[in-house]
Amino acid sequence: MITTLTILKVLLDNSKKMISKEKHIERLLNEWKEHGKIIVGCDFDDTLRPWTLAEQEDCQDVINLLKNVRQTGAYLVIFTACKPDRYPEILSYCGGLGLSVDSINENPIKLPYGNDRKIYANIFLDDRAGLEQSCDILSTAMYQYRGWLKSNEKLDDIA
């Protein structure tokens, strides 16, 4: 039997999740405002291209988001566990979809604290790590950033 206390607990848990999500949106938005460009790290298999579990429609949603994000101001880094001999295939696949990739498994720009070992990204998209929530955070931050640009008359070439 569902009690009022159970319903209130579920509502409280959900509101905590929303606050946490808002915190991540705000952080990403602030980084975008500060730097004018963010770095998005994105897995390839089952995130951009169906491999095992993902459907083409799922991957296409991520691709469409990344196209909009790049147009708004972002570097795209593919981070993948595959061997370097697949990199040309990855670049060809993404290019064929009209998605420009800045680098694979390496930082797209020189970072002030070094470029050793781990790639840096402001946000990562990965089918094994909360892809739906990360896409939602990225999408929301992008639209808020576009609104900020428009309000500051900095939205020249962004559709």
C-alpha atoms as a PDB file:
ATOM      1  CA  MET A   1       0.000   0.000   0.000  1.00  0.00           C
ATOM      2  CA  ILE A   2       1.351   3.402  -0.993  1.00  0.00           C
ATOM      3  CA  THR A   3       1.308   5.878   1.848  1.00  0.00           C
ATOM      4  CA  THR A   4       1.550   9.637   1.835  1.00  0.00           C
ATOM      5  CA  LEU A   5       4.969   9.315   3.414  1.00  0.00           C
ATOM      6  CA  THR A   6       6.154   7.102   0.526  1.00  0.00           C
ATOM      7  CA  ILE A   7       4.900   9.614  -2.049  1.00  0.00           C
ATOM      8  CA  LEU A   8       6.597  12.496  -0.217  1.00  0.00           C
ATOM      9  CA  LYS A   9       9.871  10.544  -0.080  1.00  0.00           C
ATOM     10  CA  VAL A  10       9.746   9.925  -3.859  1.00  0.00           C
ATOM     11  CA  LEU A  11       9.010  13.607  -4.509  1.00  0.00           C
ATOM     12  CA  LEU A  12      11.888  14.688  -2.280  1.00  0.00           C
ATOM     13  CA  ASP A  13      14.289  12.252  -3.983  1.00  0.00           C
ATOM     14  CA  ASN A  14      13.229  13.557  -7.404  1.00  0.00           C
ATOM     15  CA  SER A  15      13.697  17.190  -6.351  1.00  0.00           C
ATOM     16  CA  LYS A  16      17.214  16.389  -5.114  1.00  0.00           C
ATOM     17  CA  LYS A  17      18.014  14.901  -8.526  1.00  0.00           C
ATOM     18  CA  MET A  18      16.713  18.050 -10.244  1.00  0.00           C
ATOM     19  CA  ILE A  19      18.863  20.287  -8.037  1.00  0.00           C
ATOM     20  CA  SER A  20      21.910  18.169  -8.848  1.00  0.00           C
ATOM     21  CA  LYS A  21      21.135  18.357 -12.574  1.00  0.00           C
ATOM     22  CA  GLU A  22      20.696  22.130 -12.403  1.00  0.00           C
ATOM     23  CA  LYS A  23      24.092  22.407 -10.720  1.00  0.00           C
ATOM     24  CA  HIS A  24      25.725  20.620 -13.667  1.00  0.00           C
ATOM     25  CA  ILE A  25      23.874  22.733 -16.224  1.00  0.00           C
ATOM     26  CA  GLU A  26      24.999  25.910 -14.474  1.00  0.00           C
ATOM     27  CA  ARG A  27      28.611  24.740 -14.326  1.00  0.00           C
ATOM     28  CA  LEU A  28      28.667  23.890 -18.035  1.00  0.00           C
ATOM     29  CA  LEU A  29      26.959  27.171 -18.941  1.00  0.00           C
ATOM     30  CA  ASN A  30      29.481  29.170 -16.900  1.00  0.00           C
ATOM     31  CA  GLU A  31      32.388  27.375 -18.584  1.00  0.00           C
ATOM     32  CA  TRP A  32      30.862  28.143 -21.989  1.00  0.00           C
ATOM     33  CA  LYS A  33      30.472  31.812 -21.093  1.00  0.00           C
ATOM     34  CA  GLU A  34      34.020  32.021 -19.756  1.00  0.00           C
ATOM     35  CA  HIS A  35      35.776  30.315 -22.665  1.00  0.00           C
ATOM     36  CA  GLY A  36      33.398  30.815 -25.604  1.00  0.00           C
ATOM     37  CA  LYS A  37      33.910  27.166 -26.480  1.00  0.00           C
ATOM     38  CA  ILE A  38      33.629  23.934 -24.540  1.00  0.00           C
ATOM     39  CA  ILE A  39      35.118  20.510 -25.129  1.00  0.00           C
ATOM     40  CA  VAL A  40      32.686  17.627 -25.555  1.00  0.00           C
ATOM     41  CA  GLY A  41      34.091  14.121 -25.172  1.00  0.00           C
ATOM     42  CA  CYS A  42      31.989  11.497 -26.899  1.00  0.00           C
ATOM     43  CA  ASP A  43      32.208   7.737 -27.086  1.00  0.00           C
ATOM     44  CA  PHE A  44      31.768   6.216 -30.541  1.00  0.00           C
ATOM     45  CA  ASP A  45      30.306   2.691 -30.436  1.00  0.00           C
ATOM     46  CA  ASP A  46      26.670   2.654 -29.289  1.00  0.00           C
ATOM     47  CA  THR A  47      26.785   6.423 -28.772  1.00  0.00           C
ATOM     48  CA  LEU A  48      27.386   7.754 -32.294  1.00  0.00           C
ATOM     49  CA  ARG A  49      27.029   4.500 -34.189  1.00  0.00           C
ATOM     50  CA  PRO A  50      24.935   1.471 -33.327  1.00  0.00           C
ATOM     51  CA  TRP A  51      27.220  -1.360 -32.250  1.00  0.00           C
ATOM     52  CA  THR A  52      25.618  -3.735 -29.761  1.00  0.00           C
ATOM     53  CA  LEU A  53      22.529  -2.275 -28.090  1.00  0.00           C
ATOM     54  CA  ALA A  54      21.813   1.161 -29.524  1.00  0.00           C
ATOM     55  CA  GLU A  55      19.306   1.817 -32.280  1.00  0.00           C
ATOM     56  CA  GLN A  56      20.110   4.199 -35.145  1.00  0.00           C
ATOM     57  CA  GLU A  57      17.464   6.616 -33.852  1.00  0.00           C
ATOM     58  CA  ASP A  58      19.187   6.816 -30.451  1.00  0.00           C
ATOM     59  CA  CYS A  59      22.537   7.573 -32.068  1.00  0.00           C
ATOM     60  CA  GLN A  60      20.965  10.085 -34.462  1.00  0.00           C
ATOM     61  CA  ASP A  61      19.627  12.099 -31.514  1.00  0.00           C
ATOM     62  CA  VAL A  62      23.181  12.375 -30.134  1.00  0.00           C
ATOM     63  CA  ILE A  63      24.562  13.280 -33.571  1.00  0.00           C
ATOM     64  CA  ASN A  64      21.961  16.023 -34.053  1.00  0.00           C
ATOM     65  CA  LEU A  65      22.749  17.442 -30.618  1.00  0.00           C
ATOM     66  CA  LEU A  66      26.487  17.439 -31.338  1.00  0.00           C
ATOM     67  CA  LYS A  67      25.976  19.237 -34.661  1.00  0.00           C
ATOM     68  CA  ASN A  68      24.072  21.991 -32.841  1.00  0.00           C
ATOM     69  CA  VAL A  69      26.631  22.139 -30.042  1.00  0.00           C
ATOM     70  CA  ARG A  70      29.527  22.438 -32.517  1.00  0.00           C
ATOM     71  CA  GLN A  71      27.720  25.239 -34.315  1.00  0.00           C
ATOM     72  CA  THR A  72      27.204  26.995 -30.988  1.00  0.00           C
ATOM     73  CA  GLY A  73      30.872  26.674 -30.026  1.00  0.00           C
ATOM     74  CA  ALA A  74      32.444  23.381 -29.052  1.00  0.00           C
ATOM     75  CA  TYR A  75      35.316  21.071 -29.829  1.00  0.00           C
ATOM     76  CA  LEU A  76      34.394  17.427 -30.339  1.00  0.00           C
ATOM     77  CA  VAL A  77      36.753  14.741 -29.069  1.00  0.00           C
ATOM     78  CA  ILE A  78      35.963  11.109 -29.722  1.00  0.00           C
ATOM     79  CA  PHE A  79      37.159   8.997 -26.834  1.00  0.00           C
ATOM     80  CA  THR A  80      37.136   5.325 -27.596  1.00  0.00           C
ATOM     81  CA  ALA A  81      38.726   2.081 -26.497  1.00  0.00           C
ATOM     82  CA  CYS A  82      39.175   0.930 -30.081  1.00  0.00           C
ATOM     83  CA  LYS A  83      42.583   0.614 -31.705  1.00  0.00           C
ATOM     84  CA  PRO A  84      44.008   3.474 -33.777  1.00  0.00           C
ATOM     85  CA  ASP A  85      43.523   1.488 -36.977  1.00  0.00           C
ATOM     86  CA  ARG A  86      39.773   2.253 -36.640  1.00  0.00           C
ATOM     87  CA  TYR A  87      40.315   6.025 -36.426  1.00  0.00           C
ATOM     88  CA  PRO A  88      39.973   6.566 -40.206  1.00  0.00           C
ATOM     89  CA  GLU A  89      36.680   4.637 -40.127  1.00  0.00           C
ATOM     90  CA  ILE A  90      35.440   6.807 -37.237  1.00  0.00           C
ATOM     91  CA  LEU A  91      36.412  10.028 -39.014  1.00  0.00           C
ATOM     92  CA  SER A  92      34.817   8.833 -42.246  1.00  0.00           C
ATOM     93  CA  TYR A  93      31.596   7.799 -40.512  1.00  0.00           C
ATOM     94  CA  CYS A  94      31.259  11.091 -38.639  1.00  0.00           C
ATOM     95  CA  GLY A  95      32.241  13.137 -41.694  1.00  0.00           C
ATOM     96  CA  GLY A  96      29.637  11.316 -43.771  1.00  0.00           C
ATOM     97  CA  LEU A  97      27.017  12.484 -41.275  1.00  0.00           C
ATOM     98  CA  GLY A  98      28.270  16.076 -41.413  1.00  0.00           C
ATOM     99  CA  LEU A  99      29.780  15.856 -37.946  1.00  0.00           C
ATOM    100  CA  SER A 100      33.268  17.354 -37.657  1.00  0.00           C
ATOM    101  CA  VAL A 101      35.640  15.715 -35.195  1.00  0.00           C
ATOM    102  CA  ASP A 102      38.532  17.688 -33.729  1.00  0.00           C
ATOM    103  CA  SER A 103      40.477  14.739 -32.359  1.00  0.00           C
ATOM    104  CA  ILE A 104      40.319  11.122 -31.285  1.00  0.00           C
ATOM    105  CA  ASN A 105      41.673  10.151 -27.858  1.00  0.00           C
ATOM    106  CA  GLU A 106      43.696  13.349 -27.501  1.00  0.00           C
ATOM    107  CA  ASN A 107      42.981  16.884 -26.402  1.00  0.00           C
ATOM    108  CA  PRO A 108      41.951  19.182 -29.257  1.00  0.00           C
ATOM    109  CA  ILE A 109      43.767  22.173 -27.796  1.00  0.00           C
ATOM    110  CA  LYS A 110      46.825  22.793 -25.656  1.00  0.00           C
ATOM    111  CA  LEU A 111      45.740  22.819 -22.039  1.00  0.00           C
ATOM    112  CA  PRO A 112      47.401  25.027 -19.394  1.00  0.00           C
ATOM    113  CA  TYR A 113      47.892  22.072 -17.044  1.00  0.00           C
ATOM    114  CA  GLY A 114      49.258  19.635 -19.615  1.00  0.00           C
ATOM    115  CA  ASN A 115      48.048  17.151 -22.183  1.00  0.00           C
ATOM    116  CA  ASP A 116      49.318  13.950 -20.650  1.00  0.00           C
ATOM    117  CA  ARG A 117      47.397  10.689 -20.454  1.00  0.00           C
ATOM    118  CA  LYS A 118      43.770  11.687 -19.858  1.00  0.00           C
ATOM    119  CA  ILE A 119      41.709  13.712 -22.290  1.00  0.00           C
ATOM    120  CA  TYR A 120      39.872  16.683 -20.848  1.00  0.00           C
ATOM    121  CA  ALA A 121      36.250  17.521 -21.594  1.00  0.00           C
ATOM    122  CA  ASN A 122      33.691  19.819 -20.028  1.00  0.00           C
ATOM    123  CA  ILE A 123      31.168  17.012 -20.515  1.00  0.00           C
ATOM    124  CA  PHE A 124      31.339  13.391 -21.654  1.00  0.00           C
ATOM    125  CA  LEU A 125      28.653  11.537 -23.624  1.00  0.00           C
ATOM    126  CA  ASP A 126      28.806   7.755 -23.300  1.00  0.00           C
ATOM    127  CA  ASP A 127      26.161   5.055 -23.622  1.00  0.00           C
ATOM    128  CA  ARG A 128      27.623   3.396 -20.508  1.00  0.00           C
ATOM    129  CA  ALA A 129      27.617   6.506 -18.334  1.00  0.00           C
ATOM    130  CA  GLY A 130      24.268   8.272 -18.117  1.00  0.00           C
ATOM    131  CA  LEU A 131      24.025   9.271 -21.786  1.00  0.00           C
ATOM    132  CA  GLU A 132      20.447  10.520 -21.586  1.00  0.00           C
ATOM    133  CA  GLN A 133      21.115  12.778 -18.592  1.00  0.00           C
ATOM    134  CA  SER A 134      24.378  14.087 -20.090  1.00  0.00           C
ATOM    135  CA  CYS A 135      22.607  14.904 -23.364  1.00  0.00           C
ATOM    136  CA  ASP A 136      19.860  16.685 -21.442  1.00  0.00           C
ATOM    137  CA  ILE A 137      22.414  18.723 -19.464  1.00  0.00           C
ATOM    138  CA  LEU A 138      24.332  19.596 -22.646  1.00  0.00           C
ATOM    139  CA  SER A 139      21.203  20.528 -24.575  1.00  0.00           C
ATOM    140  CA  THR A 140      19.844  22.713 -21.793  1.00  0.00           C
ATOM    141  CA  ALA A 141      23.185  24.479 -21.287  1.00  0.00           C
ATOM    142  CA  MET A 142      23.479  25.027 -25.051  1.00  0.00           C
ATOM    143  CA  TYR A 143      20.078  26.713 -25.293  1.00  0.00           C
ATOM    144  CA  GLN A 144      20.785  28.820 -22.220  1.00  0.00           C
ATOM    145  CA  TYR A 145      24.161  29.811 -23.700  1.00  0.00           C
ATOM    146  CA  ARG A 146      22.500  30.749 -26.997  1.00  0.00           C
ATOM    147  CA  GLY A 147      20.003  32.865 -25.065  1.00  0.00           C
ATOM    148  CA  TRP A 148      22.860  34.540 -23.211  1.00  0.00           C
ATOM    149  CA  LEU A 149      24.682  35.213 -26.498  1.00  0.00           C
ATOM    150  CA  LYS A 150      21.540  36.662 -28.045  1.00  0.00           C
ATOM    151  CA  SER A 151      20.890  38.886 -25.042  1.00  0.00           C
ATOM    152  CA  ASN A 152      24.467  40.140 -25.302  1.00  0.00           C
ATOM    153  CA  GLU A 153      24.208  40.528 -29.097  1.00  0.00           C
ATOM    154  CA  LYS A 154      26.964  37.984 -29.634  1.00  0.00           C
ATOM    155  CA  LEU A 155      24.812  35.571 -31.650  1.00  0.00           C
ATOM    156  CA  ASP A 156      26.036  36.305 -35.162  1.00  0.00           C
ATOM    157  CA  ASP A 157      26.599  33.021 -36.967  1.00  0.00           C
ATOM    158  CA  ILE A 158      24.760  30.649 -34.665  1.00  0.00           C
ATOM    159  CA  ALA A 159      21.501  29.247 -36.004  1.00  0.00           C
END
